[in-house]
Protein backbone atom coordinates (compact mmCIF):
# COMPACT_ATOMS: atom_id res chain seq x y z
CA GLY A 1 125.62 34.17 95.54
CA TRP A 2 122.62 35.82 97.35
CA LYS A 3 124.50 37.32 100.47
CA GLN A 4 127.53 38.37 98.29
CA ILE A 5 125.50 40.74 96.24
CA GLY A 6 123.85 42.33 99.35
CA GLY A 7 120.65 44.35 99.92
CA ALA A 8 119.94 47.93 99.15
CA PRO A 9 120.34 49.62 96.83
CA ARG A 10 121.34 46.58 94.72
CA GLU A 11 117.90 44.95 95.63
CA ALA A 12 114.43 45.52 94.79
CA GLN A 13 111.67 43.67 96.35
CA LYS A 14 107.88 43.96 95.88
CA ILE A 15 104.53 42.05 96.86
CA PHE A 16 101.88 41.86 94.34
CA LYS A 17 98.83 40.08 92.95
CA ALA A 18 99.88 37.02 90.94
CA PHE A 19 97.85 35.69 87.98
CA ASP A 20 98.61 32.27 88.51
CA VAL A 21 100.68 30.79 91.30
CA SER A 22 100.84 27.10 89.90
CA GLY A 23 104.53 25.94 89.75
CA SER A 24 104.83 24.61 86.43
CA ALA A 25 103.50 27.76 84.67
CA THR A 26 105.54 30.05 86.69
CA ARG A 27 108.76 27.98 85.94
CA LYS A 28 108.13 28.25 82.49
CA LEU A 29 107.64 31.86 82.40
CA LEU A 30 110.64 32.40 84.37
CA GLN A 31 112.61 30.25 82.10
CA GLY A 32 111.45 32.42 79.12
CA PHE A 33 112.97 35.35 80.69
CA LYS A 34 116.25 33.37 80.71
CA TRP A 35 116.30 32.94 84.42
CA GLY A 36 118.28 29.65 85.30
CA ILE A 37 116.21 28.08 88.01
CA LEU A 38 118.03 26.64 90.91
CA ASP A 39 116.38 23.71 92.54
CA GLY A 40 117.05 22.75 96.10
CA VAL A 41 118.51 26.19 97.12
CA ASP A 42 115.65 27.71 99.13
CA PRO A 43 114.48 26.02 102.35
CA ASN A 44 110.93 26.58 100.94
CA PRO A 45 110.42 24.13 97.94
CA ARG A 46 107.59 26.32 96.61
CA ASN A 47 109.91 29.13 96.19
CA PHE A 48 111.65 29.84 92.80
CA VAL A 49 115.20 31.06 92.87
CA GLY A 50 116.86 32.08 89.65
CA ALA A 51 120.19 33.38 88.25
CA THR A 52 121.24 34.94 84.87
CA VAL A 53 123.87 37.17 83.58
CA LEU A 54 122.09 40.36 81.89
CA HIS A 55 124.18 41.59 78.71
CA THR A 56 123.80 45.11 77.98
CA THR A 57 125.66 47.71 76.12
CA GLY A 58 126.99 48.79 79.44
CA GLY A 59 128.41 45.63 80.35
CA LYS A 60 127.46 42.36 82.00
CA PHE A 61 125.56 42.14 85.31
CA GLY A 62 124.92 39.25 87.56
CA CYS A 63 121.45 38.84 88.73
CA LEU A 64 119.52 36.88 91.20
CA LEU A 65 115.77 36.27 91.81
CA ARG A 66 113.69 34.95 94.47
CA LEU A 67 110.04 34.38 93.75
CA GLU A 68 107.74 33.44 96.79
CA PRO A 69 104.20 32.42 95.96
CA ASN A 70 101.67 32.36 98.61
CA ALA A 71 98.80 30.35 97.12
CA ASP A 72 96.37 31.06 100.00
CA ASN A 73 96.10 34.82 98.88
CA GLY A 74 97.11 34.52 95.40
CA MET A 75 100.23 36.85 95.99
CA TYR A 76 103.92 36.68 95.01
CA ARG A 77 106.89 38.33 96.96
CA LEU A 78 109.58 39.11 94.23
CA THR A 79 112.99 39.87 95.29
CA ILE A 80 115.70 40.67 92.61
CA ARG A 81 119.44 41.46 93.52
CA ALA A 82 122.07 42.60 90.72
CA THR A 83 125.59 43.63 90.71
CA ASP A 84 124.69 47.01 89.74
CA GLU A 85 121.87 49.08 91.60
CA SER A 86 120.46 50.25 88.15
CA VAL A 87 119.37 46.78 87.07
CA PRO A 88 116.86 45.34 89.92
CA PRO A 89 114.21 48.29 89.58
CA VAL A 90 114.16 47.61 85.42
CA LEU A 91 114.10 43.77 86.00
CA MET A 92 111.48 44.13 88.61
CA LYS A 93 109.00 46.14 86.54
CA LEU A 94 109.44 43.53 83.66
CA MET A 95 108.89 40.58 85.66
CA GLU A 96 105.91 42.00 87.76
CA GLU A 97 104.20 42.95 84.23
CA ARG A 98 104.51 39.36 83.08
CA LEU A 99 103.64 37.70 86.34
CA THR A 100 100.44 39.73 86.91
CA GLN A 101 98.97 39.05 83.08
CA PRO A 102 97.77 35.59 81.61
CA TYR A 103 100.46 33.51 80.65
CA PRO A 104 101.04 32.57 77.13
CA THR A 105 100.40 28.90 76.61
């Protein structure tokens, strides 16, 4: 899990302004990116924890995500870890682009 993959360089973390911190819309968006949402894993029930396997021409990479919404200031802290250090920065860019734009309905 989370501790097995470890931190840097296989981790990317960023804090940014969220478009919408409501739980149901965020869950749907994450699932649209094929993240499997793991309920009851994080001590904070508002946080989202997800796992996926990214299939590329270079192989398969295990990926973990933790998205921490802060409703008071409309911000997210997103942490992504993967089994290969090239993956987190790319996933971070994609996820941040989506989470800062209006969600498709």
